[in-house]
Amino acid sequence: MKKQQVRARLMEKGLSYRQWARERGYEPRMVTQVISRYAGAAELPRGRLSYRILRELSQTIGKEITPGVLRAEERA
């Protein structure tokens, strides 16, 4: 999923990156950087915070931003 698609999905829910980040206690710049780095990437992030941001954001928009980010949660 491309970062423009992520932004569009959030906008459909009436949210921006900044609003979403602040509601969940994340630094808005960190959320933007994680999306820019991992949106459309084939590998999962190694950092816990990046992984958590991608997982929560994927749950919010209803689609995986990075393939496998929600499936790993289902196995746990």
N, C-alpha and C. Protein backbone atom coordinates (compact mmCIF):
# COMPACT_ATOMS: atom_id res chain seq x y z
N MET A 1 0.84 -1.16 0.00
CA MET A 1 0.00 0.00 0.00
C MET A 1 0.90 1.24 0.00
N LYS A 2 0.63 2.16 -0.89
CA LYS A 2 1.43 3.38 -1.01
C LYS A 2 1.02 4.40 0.04
N LYS A 3 1.93 5.33 0.33
CA LYS A 3 1.64 6.30 1.38
C LYS A 3 0.48 7.22 1.02
N GLN A 4 0.25 7.47 -0.26
CA GLN A 4 -0.89 8.28 -0.67
C GLN A 4 -2.20 7.54 -0.37
N GLN A 5 -2.18 6.22 -0.52
CA GLN A 5 -3.36 5.42 -0.21
C GLN A 5 -3.63 5.40 1.29
N VAL A 6 -2.58 5.36 2.08
CA VAL A 6 -2.73 5.40 3.54
C VAL A 6 -3.38 6.72 3.94
N ARG A 7 -2.85 7.80 3.41
CA ARG A 7 -3.41 9.13 3.72
C ARG A 7 -4.86 9.23 3.28
N ALA A 8 -5.20 8.69 2.10
CA ALA A 8 -6.58 8.74 1.61
C ALA A 8 -7.51 7.95 2.53
N ARG A 9 -7.07 6.77 2.99
CA ARG A 9 -7.89 5.96 3.91
C ARG A 9 -8.13 6.69 5.22
N LEU A 10 -7.09 7.35 5.72
CA LEU A 10 -7.25 8.12 6.95
C LEU A 10 -8.21 9.29 6.75
N MET A 11 -8.09 9.95 5.62
CA MET A 11 -8.96 11.08 5.32
C MET A 11 -10.42 10.64 5.23
N GLU A 12 -10.65 9.43 4.72
CA GLU A 12 -12.02 8.89 4.66
C GLU A 12 -12.61 8.77 6.06
N LYS A 13 -11.75 8.56 7.05
CA LYS A 13 -12.19 8.45 8.44
C LYS A 13 -12.16 9.79 9.16
N GLY A 14 -11.83 10.84 8.42
CA GLY A 14 -11.80 12.18 8.98
C GLY A 14 -10.56 12.48 9.82
N LEU A 15 -9.46 11.80 9.53
CA LEU A 15 -8.23 11.97 10.29
C LEU A 15 -7.06 12.35 9.40
N SER A 16 -6.09 13.02 10.00
CA SER A 16 -4.81 13.27 9.34
C SER A 16 -3.76 12.46 10.09
N TYR A 17 -2.54 12.39 9.57
CA TYR A 17 -1.46 11.70 10.28
C TYR A 17 -1.31 12.31 11.68
N ARG A 18 -1.29 13.64 11.72
CA ARG A 18 -1.08 14.35 12.97
C ARG A 18 -2.17 14.03 13.99
N GLN A 19 -3.41 14.08 13.57
CA GLN A 19 -4.52 13.78 14.49
C GLN A 19 -4.44 12.35 14.99
N TRP A 20 -4.20 11.43 14.08
CA TRP A 20 -4.12 10.02 14.45
C TRP A 20 -2.99 9.80 15.45
N ALA A 21 -1.83 10.41 15.19
CA ALA A 21 -0.67 10.25 16.06
C ALA A 21 -0.95 10.81 17.46
N ARG A 22 -1.49 11.98 17.52
CA ARG A 22 -1.75 12.61 18.83
C ARG A 22 -2.79 11.85 19.63
N GLU A 23 -3.81 11.32 18.97
CA GLU A 23 -4.83 10.54 19.67
C GLU A 23 -4.23 9.31 20.35
N ARG A 24 -3.16 8.79 19.79
CA ARG A 24 -2.56 7.56 20.32
C ARG A 24 -1.25 7.79 21.07
N GLY A 25 -0.86 9.04 21.23
CA GLY A 25 0.33 9.36 22.01
C GLY A 25 1.64 9.23 21.26
N TYR A 26 1.58 9.22 19.93
CA TYR A 26 2.80 9.15 19.13
C TYR A 26 3.20 10.54 18.68
N GLU A 27 4.47 10.69 18.40
CA GLU A 27 4.99 11.92 17.83
C GLU A 27 4.58 11.97 16.36
N PRO A 28 3.88 13.02 15.91
CA PRO A 28 3.42 13.07 14.51
C PRO A 28 4.54 12.88 13.49
N ARG A 29 5.70 13.44 13.76
CA ARG A 29 6.81 13.29 12.81
C ARG A 29 7.24 11.83 12.70
N MET A 30 7.23 11.10 13.82
CA MET A 30 7.60 9.69 13.81
C MET A 30 6.64 8.89 12.95
N VAL A 31 5.35 9.17 13.07
CA VAL A 31 4.34 8.47 12.27
C VAL A 31 4.58 8.73 10.78
N THR A 32 4.83 9.98 10.43
CA THR A 32 5.08 10.34 9.04
C THR A 32 6.32 9.63 8.51
N GLN A 33 7.38 9.58 9.31
CA GLN A 33 8.61 8.92 8.89
C GLN A 33 8.41 7.41 8.71
N VAL A 34 7.68 6.79 9.62
CA VAL A 34 7.43 5.35 9.52
C VAL A 34 6.63 5.04 8.26
N ILE A 35 5.62 5.82 7.98
CA ILE A 35 4.81 5.59 6.78
C ILE A 35 5.65 5.80 5.52
N SER A 36 6.44 6.85 5.51
CA SER A 36 7.28 7.11 4.33
C SER A 36 8.27 5.98 4.09
N ARG A 37 8.78 5.41 5.17
CA ARG A 37 9.79 4.37 5.04
C ARG A 37 9.20 3.00 4.70
N TYR A 38 8.07 2.64 5.31
CA TYR A 38 7.58 1.27 5.19
C TYR A 38 6.34 1.08 4.33
N ALA A 39 5.65 2.14 3.95
CA ALA A 39 4.47 1.98 3.10
C ALA A 39 4.91 1.41 1.76
N GLY A 40 4.37 0.26 1.40
CA GLY A 40 4.72 -0.38 0.14
C GLY A 40 5.97 -1.23 0.20
N ALA A 41 6.64 -1.26 1.35
CA ALA A 41 7.85 -2.07 1.49
C ALA A 41 7.49 -3.54 1.66
N ALA A 42 8.41 -4.40 1.30
CA ALA A 42 8.16 -5.84 1.40
C ALA A 42 8.54 -6.40 2.77
N GLU A 43 9.43 -5.71 3.50
CA GLU A 43 9.88 -6.24 4.78
C GLU A 43 9.19 -5.52 5.95
N LEU A 44 9.07 -6.25 7.05
CA LEU A 44 8.49 -5.67 8.26
C LEU A 44 9.56 -4.85 8.97
N PRO A 45 9.15 -3.83 9.71
CA PRO A 45 10.14 -3.04 10.45
C PRO A 45 10.74 -3.84 11.59
N ARG A 46 11.95 -3.50 11.95
CA ARG A 46 12.63 -4.20 13.04
C ARG A 46 12.37 -3.54 14.39
N GLY A 47 12.12 -2.25 14.37
CA GLY A 47 11.90 -1.53 15.61
C GLY A 47 10.50 -1.77 16.17
N ARG A 48 10.42 -1.87 17.48
CA ARG A 48 9.13 -2.14 18.12
C ARG A 48 8.14 -1.00 17.92
N LEU A 49 8.61 0.23 18.05
CA LEU A 49 7.73 1.38 17.90
C LEU A 49 7.22 1.49 16.47
N SER A 50 8.09 1.31 15.50
CA SER A 50 7.68 1.37 14.09
C SER A 50 6.66 0.28 13.79
N TYR A 51 6.92 -0.92 14.30
CA TYR A 51 6.00 -2.04 14.09
C TYR A 51 4.64 -1.75 14.72
N ARG A 52 4.65 -1.21 15.94
CA ARG A 52 3.39 -0.91 16.63
C ARG A 52 2.60 0.17 15.88
N ILE A 53 3.29 1.19 15.39
CA ILE A 53 2.62 2.25 14.62
C ILE A 53 1.98 1.66 13.38
N LEU A 54 2.73 0.85 12.64
CA LEU A 54 2.18 0.25 11.42
C LEU A 54 1.00 -0.67 11.71
N ARG A 55 1.09 -1.45 12.78
CA ARG A 55 0.02 -2.36 13.14
C ARG A 55 -1.26 -1.60 13.52
N GLU A 56 -1.12 -0.59 14.38
CA GLU A 56 -2.28 0.18 14.81
C GLU A 56 -2.89 0.98 13.66
N LEU A 57 -2.04 1.54 12.83
CA LEU A 57 -2.55 2.30 11.69
C LEU A 57 -3.24 1.38 10.69
N SER A 58 -2.70 0.19 10.48
CA SER A 58 -3.34 -0.78 9.59
C SER A 58 -4.71 -1.19 10.13
N GLN A 59 -4.80 -1.35 11.44
CA GLN A 59 -6.10 -1.68 12.04
C GLN A 59 -7.08 -0.54 11.87
N THR A 60 -6.61 0.68 12.00
CA THR A 60 -7.47 1.85 11.86
C THR A 60 -8.04 1.97 10.45
N ILE A 61 -7.18 1.77 9.45
CA ILE A 61 -7.64 1.95 8.07
C ILE A 61 -8.24 0.68 7.48
N GLY A 62 -8.05 -0.44 8.16
CA GLY A 62 -8.65 -1.69 7.70
C GLY A 62 -7.91 -2.41 6.60
N LYS A 63 -6.64 -2.08 6.41
CA LYS A 63 -5.84 -2.74 5.39
C LYS A 63 -4.37 -2.69 5.80
N GLU A 64 -3.62 -3.75 5.49
CA GLU A 64 -2.20 -3.79 5.84
C GLU A 64 -1.40 -2.78 5.03
N ILE A 65 -0.62 -2.00 5.73
CA ILE A 65 0.26 -1.04 5.07
C ILE A 65 1.48 -1.76 4.53
N THR A 66 2.04 -2.64 5.35
CA THR A 66 3.16 -3.48 4.97
C THR A 66 2.68 -4.92 5.07
N PRO A 67 2.85 -5.72 4.03
CA PRO A 67 2.34 -7.10 4.07
C PRO A 67 2.86 -7.88 5.27
N GLY A 68 1.94 -8.50 5.99
CA GLY A 68 2.30 -9.34 7.12
C GLY A 68 2.20 -8.69 8.48
N VAL A 69 1.98 -7.38 8.53
CA VAL A 69 1.96 -6.69 9.81
C VAL A 69 0.77 -7.12 10.68
N LEU A 70 -0.33 -7.46 10.09
CA LEU A 70 -1.49 -7.93 10.87
C LEU A 70 -1.47 -9.44 11.03
N ARG A 71 -0.93 -10.15 10.09
CA ARG A 71 -0.89 -11.63 10.18
C ARG A 71 -0.01 -12.09 11.34
N ALA A 72 1.07 -11.38 11.61
CA ALA A 72 1.95 -11.75 12.72
C ALA A 72 1.19 -11.66 14.04
N GLU A 73 0.27 -10.72 14.13
CA GLU A 73 -0.54 -10.55 15.33
C GLU A 73 -1.50 -11.71 15.50
N GLU A 74 -2.07 -12.22 14.43
CA GLU A 74 -3.03 -13.31 14.48
C GLU A 74 -2.39 -14.59 15.01
N ARG A 75 -1.11 -14.81 14.71
CA ARG A 75 -0.42 -16.04 15.14
C ARG A 75 -0.10 -16.02 16.63
N ALA A 76 0.04 -14.83 17.20
CA ALA A 76 0.42 -14.71 18.62
C ALA A 76 -0.69 -15.11 19.56
